[in-house]
Each structure stands twice: as structure tokens, then as C-alpha cells.
Amino acid sequence: MKKIAILASGEGTNAERIIRYFLEKKTVEVALVITNKPQAGVLKRADRLSVPSLVITAQGFADGEALKVLHRHHIDFIVLAGFLLKVPDAVLHDYPNKIVNIHPALLPKFGGKGMYGARVHEAVIAAGEKESGITIHYINEQYDEGNTIFQATCPVMPDDTPDALAARVHQLEYEHFPRVIEETIMGKNPSI
């Protein structure tokens, strides 16, 4: 069984979806949740679902604590689900093509440092885009520039607010992210 760690900085709605999805599987286990924020809602979600979780500060990531924890828990694959820190190079090099992220827009547009959450949806609407969606991708040393694994789209309505667009994008995340993670880990994703 493959063990994954989820890294999240916020409420953890995607993390919860992923955990619940893999509770029913025999191939992959969510073995650990890591956050960089002591007040992150993802900690309560992990606790409710009996998944070990811990807080590692930005300094702890920089000092190599995260890599030690990942090794100690025998983690095979890492999923970023709303994780707002840059993953240190040491972790990237130890987990080549084994770290995926989800971005709430169609990369390469509307990505990069500081482009997350409502900022992305505001930018999509301001640009007059007709569609948005999700991009699931590997990560590398640059924000949102790793190879794309999967994209799904939704329309941008003429009267959309960032919240309304976010709701449609979240539905795509919930529908596709867990399945694409599983396919990627199991080598069933033809786009890799």
C-alpha cells in the first residue's frame, strides 16, 4: 500500500475529500497531514478522520524537519491541497515526480507566487475569460510551472463574482482531484 502525505495551509476541504476517498481503497492510504499553520482547519478534519497530523513551521520546512518527518512516516507520495509555502528543494529532490498540486485555474494562466484562492478567481474574471477550471500538476522549483497531469474546465458567467466562480471550481476539485491522485500514484494516468 502506498502512503501519502497531504500538505495544507487552510480549512482542508480538499484534504478531507482525499482522505475520505482513500478510506475506501486498498491501494493508497493517507498516512499523514502536515500544515504550516497551527490554527488551520485541516487539523480538525484530520483528527475527525483519525489521520495523524502535525504542524511544521516555515522555519521547520527550511531546516529540513519536514523531510525527516516524511521519511519517518515512510511517505511515498505528497499531495499539496491548498498549501501556501514553497516546498524546499530537499523535499523536491527526494520526491521527484511524486509531489502534485492543484491550482484553481487553467495553468499556465493565472499562476505564480501569490496567485491562490480568491486572487485567482478575481484575476480570471478581470481578464474577461470565458472559462476557468482546475489544473493538477507536478511541482518543481517554480510556482505553478510543473508538468500538467490533468485539467478540467467550467464556464465563467458574465455576472460571476469570485465566490460564485470559486464554487464551480471547488466542485471540479472535489470531483477530480482524488481520482487523479490515485491514477497518478498507480501509474494509470496516460498524460505522464
C-alpha atoms as a PDB file:
ATOM      1  CA  MET A   1       0.000   0.000   0.000  1.00  0.00           C
ATOM      2  CA  LYS A   2       1.319   3.447  -0.968  1.00  0.00           C
ATOM      3  CA  LYS A   3       1.411   6.076   1.771  1.00  0.00           C
ATOM      4  CA  ILE A   4       0.675   9.692   1.015  1.00  0.00           C
ATOM      5  CA  ALA A   5       1.062  12.884   2.990  1.00  0.00           C
ATOM      6  CA  ILE A   6      -1.255  15.832   2.412  1.00  0.00           C
ATOM      7  CA  LEU A   7       0.187  19.312   2.950  1.00  0.00           C
ATOM      8  CA  ALA A   8      -2.439  22.010   3.526  1.00  0.00           C
ATOM      9  CA  SER A   9      -2.495  25.514   4.993  1.00  0.00           C
ATOM     10  CA  GLY A  10      -6.220  26.211   5.348  1.00  0.00           C
ATOM     11  CA  GLU A  11      -9.596  24.682   6.094  1.00  0.00           C
ATOM     12  CA  GLY A  12      -8.778  21.403   4.397  1.00  0.00           C
ATOM     13  CA  THR A  13     -11.924  20.722   2.378  1.00  0.00           C
ATOM     14  CA  ASN A  14      -9.895  19.098  -0.411  1.00  0.00           C
ATOM     15  CA  ALA A  15      -7.806  17.220   2.145  1.00  0.00           C
ATOM     16  CA  GLU A  16     -10.962  15.817   3.724  1.00  0.00           C
ATOM     17  CA  ARG A  17     -12.277  14.712   0.315  1.00  0.00           C
ATOM     18  CA  ILE A  18      -8.993  12.984  -0.447  1.00  0.00           C
ATOM     19  CA  ILE A  19      -8.897  11.235   2.950  1.00  0.00           C
ATOM     20  CA  ARG A  20     -12.487  10.019   2.604  1.00  0.00           C
ATOM     21  CA  TYR A  21     -11.830   8.797  -0.957  1.00  0.00           C
ATOM     22  CA  PHE A  22      -8.850   6.700   0.117  1.00  0.00           C
ATOM     23  CA  LEU A  23     -10.573   5.273   3.208  1.00  0.00           C
ATOM     24  CA  GLU A  24     -12.436   3.049   0.753  1.00  0.00           C
ATOM     25  CA  LYS A  25      -9.316   1.961  -1.155  1.00  0.00           C
ATOM     26  CA  LYS A  26      -6.813  -0.809  -0.583  1.00  0.00           C
ATOM     27  CA  THR A  27      -4.077   0.724  -2.747  1.00  0.00           C
ATOM     28  CA  VAL A  28      -3.356   4.088  -1.110  1.00  0.00           C
ATOM     29  CA  GLU A  29      -3.500   5.368   2.471  1.00  0.00           C
ATOM     30  CA  VAL A  30      -3.411   8.965   3.642  1.00  0.00           C
ATOM     31  CA  ALA A  31      -0.839   8.413   6.372  1.00  0.00           C
ATOM     32  CA  LEU A  32      -0.161  11.995   7.426  1.00  0.00           C
ATOM     33  CA  VAL A  33      -1.426  15.572   7.198  1.00  0.00           C
ATOM     34  CA  ILE A  34       1.065  18.406   7.618  1.00  0.00           C
ATOM     35  CA  THR A  35       0.199  22.075   7.947  1.00  0.00           C
ATOM     36  CA  ASN A  36       2.321  25.157   8.461  1.00  0.00           C
ATOM     37  CA  LYS A  37      -0.426  26.966  10.408  1.00  0.00           C
ATOM     38  CA  PRO A  38      -1.330  25.957  13.985  1.00  0.00           C
ATOM     39  CA  GLN A  39      -4.918  27.220  13.586  1.00  0.00           C
ATOM     40  CA  ALA A  40      -5.575  25.537  10.200  1.00  0.00           C
ATOM     41  CA  GLY A  41      -8.956  23.831   9.972  1.00  0.00           C
ATOM     42  CA  VAL A  42      -7.331  20.855   8.256  1.00  0.00           C
ATOM     43  CA  LEU A  43      -6.027  19.712  11.675  1.00  0.00           C
ATOM     44  CA  LYS A  44      -9.572  19.197  12.996  1.00  0.00           C
ATOM     45  CA  ARG A  45     -10.631  17.437   9.812  1.00  0.00           C
ATOM     46  CA  ALA A  46      -7.662  15.053  10.002  1.00  0.00           C
ATOM     47  CA  ASP A  47      -8.374  14.384  13.680  1.00  0.00           C
ATOM     48  CA  ARG A  48     -12.052  13.591  12.987  1.00  0.00           C
ATOM     49  CA  LEU A  49     -10.944  11.090  10.348  1.00  0.00           C
ATOM     50  CA  SER A  50      -8.210   9.559  12.561  1.00  0.00           C
ATOM     51  CA  VAL A  51      -5.321  10.651  10.333  1.00  0.00           C
ATOM     52  CA  PRO A  52      -2.146  11.708  12.160  1.00  0.00           C
ATOM     53  CA  SER A  53      -1.389  15.400  11.690  1.00  0.00           C
ATOM     54  CA  LEU A  54       1.200  17.904  12.797  1.00  0.00           C
ATOM     55  CA  VAL A  55       2.328  21.485  12.388  1.00  0.00           C
ATOM     56  CA  ILE A  56       5.701  22.270  10.853  1.00  0.00           C
ATOM     57  CA  THR A  57       6.521  25.962  10.690  1.00  0.00           C
ATOM     58  CA  ALA A  58       8.039  27.670   7.663  1.00  0.00           C
ATOM     59  CA  GLN A  59      11.347  27.586   9.531  1.00  0.00           C
ATOM     60  CA  GLY A  60      10.886  23.865  10.181  1.00  0.00           C
ATOM     61  CA  PHE A  61      10.452  23.276   6.464  1.00  0.00           C
ATOM     62  CA  ALA A  62      13.546  25.355   5.723  1.00  0.00           C
ATOM     63  CA  ASP A  63      15.566  23.474   8.381  1.00  0.00           C
ATOM     64  CA  GLY A  64      14.738  20.033   6.966  1.00  0.00           C
ATOM     65  CA  GLU A  65      12.262  18.964   9.653  1.00  0.00           C
ATOM     66  CA  ALA A  66       9.573  18.164   7.070  1.00  0.00           C
ATOM     67  CA  LEU A  67      11.826  15.818   5.130  1.00  0.00           C
ATOM     68  CA  LYS A  68      12.727  13.926   8.306  1.00  0.00           C
ATOM     69  CA  VAL A  69       9.038  13.567   9.209  1.00  0.00           C
ATOM     70  CA  LEU A  70       8.151  12.349   5.711  1.00  0.00           C
ATOM     71  CA  HIS A  71      10.883   9.704   5.921  1.00  0.00           C
ATOM     72  CA  ARG A  72       9.880   8.683   9.452  1.00  0.00           C
ATOM     73  CA  HIS A  73       6.308   8.063   8.231  1.00  0.00           C
ATOM     74  CA  HIS A  74       7.536   6.178   5.123  1.00  0.00           C
ATOM     75  CA  ILE A  75       5.711   8.556   2.782  1.00  0.00           C
ATOM     76  CA  ASP A  76       5.743   7.531  -0.892  1.00  0.00           C
ATOM     77  CA  PHE A  77       3.846  10.461  -2.416  1.00  0.00           C
ATOM     78  CA  ILE A  78       2.937  14.050  -1.429  1.00  0.00           C
ATOM     79  CA  VAL A  79      -0.244  15.956  -2.252  1.00  0.00           C
ATOM     80  CA  LEU A  80      -0.471  19.733  -1.890  1.00  0.00           C
ATOM     81  CA  ALA A  81      -4.053  20.755  -1.165  1.00  0.00           C
ATOM     82  CA  GLY A  82      -4.071  24.484  -0.542  1.00  0.00           C
ATOM     83  CA  PHE A  83      -0.525  24.525   0.804  1.00  0.00           C
ATOM     84  CA  LEU A  84       0.866  28.052   0.690  1.00  0.00           C
ATOM     85  CA  LEU A  85       4.559  27.510   1.424  1.00  0.00           C
ATOM     86  CA  LYS A  86       7.148  26.824  -1.230  1.00  0.00           C
ATOM     87  CA  VAL A  87       8.279  23.222  -0.914  1.00  0.00           C
ATOM     88  CA  PRO A  88      12.018  23.136  -0.110  1.00  0.00           C
ATOM     89  CA  ASP A  89      14.402  21.849  -2.768  1.00  0.00           C
ATOM     90  CA  ALA A  90      15.499  18.992  -0.490  1.00  0.00           C
ATOM     91  CA  VAL A  91      11.934  17.620  -0.463  1.00  0.00           C
ATOM     92  CA  LEU A  92      11.574  18.161  -4.228  1.00  0.00           C
ATOM     93  CA  HIS A  93      14.766  16.253  -4.911  1.00  0.00           C
ATOM     94  CA  ASP A  94      13.813  13.409  -2.564  1.00  0.00           C
ATOM     95  CA  TYR A  95      10.366  13.049  -4.186  1.00  0.00           C
ATOM     96  CA  PRO A  96      10.900  13.582  -7.935  1.00  0.00           C
ATOM     97  CA  ASN A  97       7.586  13.361  -9.822  1.00  0.00           C
ATOM     98  CA  LYS A  98       5.953  12.335  -6.549  1.00  0.00           C
ATOM     99  CA  ILE A  99       4.507  15.698  -5.461  1.00  0.00           C
ATOM    100  CA  VAL A 100       1.301  17.011  -7.008  1.00  0.00           C
ATOM    101  CA  ASN A 101      -0.602  20.246  -6.535  1.00  0.00           C
ATOM    102  CA  ILE A 102      -3.998  21.520  -7.570  1.00  0.00           C
ATOM    103  CA  HIS A 103      -4.396  25.067  -8.875  1.00  0.00           C
ATOM    104  CA  PRO A 104      -7.810  26.777  -9.170  1.00  0.00           C
ATOM    105  CA  ALA A 105      -7.319  27.973 -12.760  1.00  0.00           C
ATOM    106  CA  LEU A 106      -6.137  26.704 -16.116  1.00  0.00           C
ATOM    107  CA  LEU A 107      -2.374  26.998 -15.978  1.00  0.00           C
ATOM    108  CA  PRO A 108      -0.193  28.466 -17.348  1.00  0.00           C
ATOM    109  CA  LYS A 109      -2.535  31.456 -16.969  1.00  0.00           C
ATOM    110  CA  PHE A 110      -3.181  32.922 -13.518  1.00  0.00           C
ATOM    111  CA  GLY A 111      -0.408  31.068 -11.719  1.00  0.00           C
ATOM    112  CA  GLY A 112       2.748  32.026  -9.892  1.00  0.00           C
ATOM    113  CA  LYS A 113       3.724  33.351  -6.499  1.00  0.00           C
ATOM    114  CA  GLY A 114       0.819  34.939  -4.650  1.00  0.00           C
ATOM    115  CA  MET A 115      -1.817  33.512  -7.003  1.00  0.00           C
ATOM    116  CA  TYR A 116      -4.113  31.434  -4.829  1.00  0.00           C
ATOM    117  CA  GLY A 117      -7.720  31.413  -3.653  1.00  0.00           C
ATOM    118  CA  ALA A 118      -9.865  34.464  -4.368  1.00  0.00           C
ATOM    119  CA  ARG A 119      -6.953  36.262  -6.041  1.00  0.00           C
ATOM    120  CA  VAL A 120      -7.026  33.731  -8.865  1.00  0.00           C
ATOM    121  CA  HIS A 121     -10.782  33.983  -9.398  1.00  0.00           C
ATOM    122  CA  GLU A 122     -10.649  37.789  -9.315  1.00  0.00           C
ATOM    123  CA  ALA A 123      -7.902  37.760 -11.961  1.00  0.00           C
ATOM    124  CA  VAL A 124      -9.808  35.315 -14.202  1.00  0.00           C
ATOM    125  CA  ILE A 125     -12.940  37.495 -14.085  1.00  0.00           C
ATOM    126  CA  ALA A 126     -10.983  40.743 -14.565  1.00  0.00           C
ATOM    127  CA  ALA A 127      -9.306  39.269 -17.656  1.00  0.00           C
ATOM    128  CA  GLY A 128     -12.683  38.519 -19.238  1.00  0.00           C
ATOM    129  CA  GLU A 129     -12.009  34.786 -19.539  1.00  0.00           C
ATOM    130  CA  LYS A 130     -14.876  32.629 -20.821  1.00  0.00           C
ATOM    131  CA  GLU A 131     -13.743  29.550 -18.907  1.00  0.00           C
ATOM    132  CA  SER A 132     -11.742  28.605 -15.867  1.00  0.00           C
ATOM    133  CA  GLY A 133     -11.168  25.346 -14.077  1.00  0.00           C
ATOM    134  CA  ILE A 134      -8.522  23.311 -12.326  1.00  0.00           C
ATOM    135  CA  THR A 135      -5.014  22.178 -13.129  1.00  0.00           C
ATOM    136  CA  ILE A 136      -3.482  19.208 -11.348  1.00  0.00           C
ATOM    137  CA  HIS A 137       0.262  19.262 -11.874  1.00  0.00           C
ATOM    138  CA  TYR A 138       3.603  18.080 -10.588  1.00  0.00           C
ATOM    139  CA  ILE A 139       5.557  20.695  -8.718  1.00  0.00           C
ATOM    140  CA  ASN A 140       9.075  21.878  -9.391  1.00  0.00           C
ATOM    141  CA  GLU A 141      11.286  24.706  -8.153  1.00  0.00           C
ATOM    142  CA  GLN A 142       8.969  27.371  -9.667  1.00  0.00           C
ATOM    143  CA  TYR A 143       5.432  28.166  -8.513  1.00  0.00           C
ATOM    144  CA  ASP A 144       2.807  26.534 -10.763  1.00  0.00           C
ATOM    145  CA  GLU A 145       5.232  25.583 -13.543  1.00  0.00           C
ATOM    146  CA  GLY A 146       5.439  21.802 -13.127  1.00  0.00           C
ATOM    147  CA  ASN A 147       4.148  19.448 -15.823  1.00  0.00           C
ATOM    148  CA  THR A 148       0.368  19.280 -16.121  1.00  0.00           C
ATOM    149  CA  ILE A 149      -1.261  15.957 -15.288  1.00  0.00           C
ATOM    150  CA  PHE A 150      -4.943  16.891 -15.739  1.00  0.00           C
ATOM    151  CA  GLN A 151      -7.213  19.868 -16.414  1.00  0.00           C
ATOM    152  CA  ALA A 152     -10.986  20.274 -16.203  1.00  0.00           C
ATOM    153  CA  THR A 153     -12.965  23.357 -17.178  1.00  0.00           C
ATOM    154  CA  CYS A 154     -16.064  25.252 -16.143  1.00  0.00           C
ATOM    155  CA  PRO A 155     -17.676  28.362 -17.658  1.00  0.00           C
ATOM    156  CA  VAL A 156     -17.125  31.872 -16.368  1.00  0.00           C
ATOM    157  CA  MET A 157     -20.532  33.569 -16.377  1.00  0.00           C
ATOM    158  CA  PRO A 158     -20.896  37.240 -17.396  1.00  0.00           C
ATOM    159  CA  ASP A 159     -22.207  38.189 -13.928  1.00  0.00           C
ATOM    160  CA  ASP A 160     -19.821  35.983 -11.933  1.00  0.00           C
ATOM    161  CA  THR A 161     -18.407  37.037  -8.600  1.00  0.00           C
ATOM    162  CA  PRO A 162     -15.171  35.487  -7.340  1.00  0.00           C
ATOM    163  CA  ASP A 163     -17.218  33.455  -4.831  1.00  0.00           C
ATOM    164  CA  ALA A 164     -19.597  32.118  -7.480  1.00  0.00           C
ATOM    165  CA  LEU A 165     -16.713  31.104  -9.733  1.00  0.00           C
ATOM    166  CA  ALA A 166     -14.877  29.583  -6.774  1.00  0.00           C
ATOM    167  CA  ALA A 167     -17.897  27.390  -6.012  1.00  0.00           C
ATOM    168  CA  ARG A 168     -17.841  25.903  -9.530  1.00  0.00           C
ATOM    169  CA  VAL A 169     -14.066  25.415  -9.397  1.00  0.00           C
ATOM    170  CA  HIS A 170     -14.358  23.700  -5.990  1.00  0.00           C
ATOM    171  CA  GLN A 171     -16.838  21.242  -7.465  1.00  0.00           C
ATOM    172  CA  LEU A 172     -14.265  20.306 -10.111  1.00  0.00           C
ATOM    173  CA  GLU A 173     -11.626  19.888  -7.408  1.00  0.00           C
ATOM    174  CA  TYR A 174     -13.846  17.590  -5.358  1.00  0.00           C
ATOM    175  CA  GLU A 175     -14.890  15.587  -8.417  1.00  0.00           C
ATOM    176  CA  HIS A 176     -11.457  15.019  -9.959  1.00  0.00           C
ATOM    177  CA  PHE A 177      -8.577  15.508  -7.504  1.00  0.00           C
ATOM    178  CA  PRO A 178      -8.801  12.234  -5.503  1.00  0.00           C
ATOM    179  CA  ARG A 179      -9.228  10.101  -8.639  1.00  0.00           C
ATOM    180  CA  VAL A 180      -6.354  11.788 -10.490  1.00  0.00           C
ATOM    181  CA  ILE A 181      -4.112  11.353  -7.443  1.00  0.00           C
ATOM    182  CA  GLU A 182      -4.900   7.626  -7.373  1.00  0.00           C
ATOM    183  CA  GLU A 183      -4.355   7.215 -11.113  1.00  0.00           C
ATOM    184  CA  THR A 184      -1.069   9.093 -10.915  1.00  0.00           C
ATOM    185  CA  ILE A 185       0.241   7.066  -7.977  1.00  0.00           C
ATOM    186  CA  MET A 186      -0.794   3.801  -9.603  1.00  0.00           C
ATOM    187  CA  GLY A 187       0.739   4.762 -12.967  1.00  0.00           C
ATOM    188  CA  LYS A 188      -2.622   4.775 -14.751  1.00  0.00           C
ATOM    189  CA  ASN A 189      -2.507   8.370 -15.914  1.00  0.00           C
ATOM    190  CA  PRO A 190      -1.699   8.371 -19.626  1.00  0.00           C
ATOM    191  CA  SER A 191      -0.619  12.033 -19.602  1.00  0.00           C
ATOM    192  CA  ILE A 192       2.509  11.375 -17.550  1.00  0.00           C
END
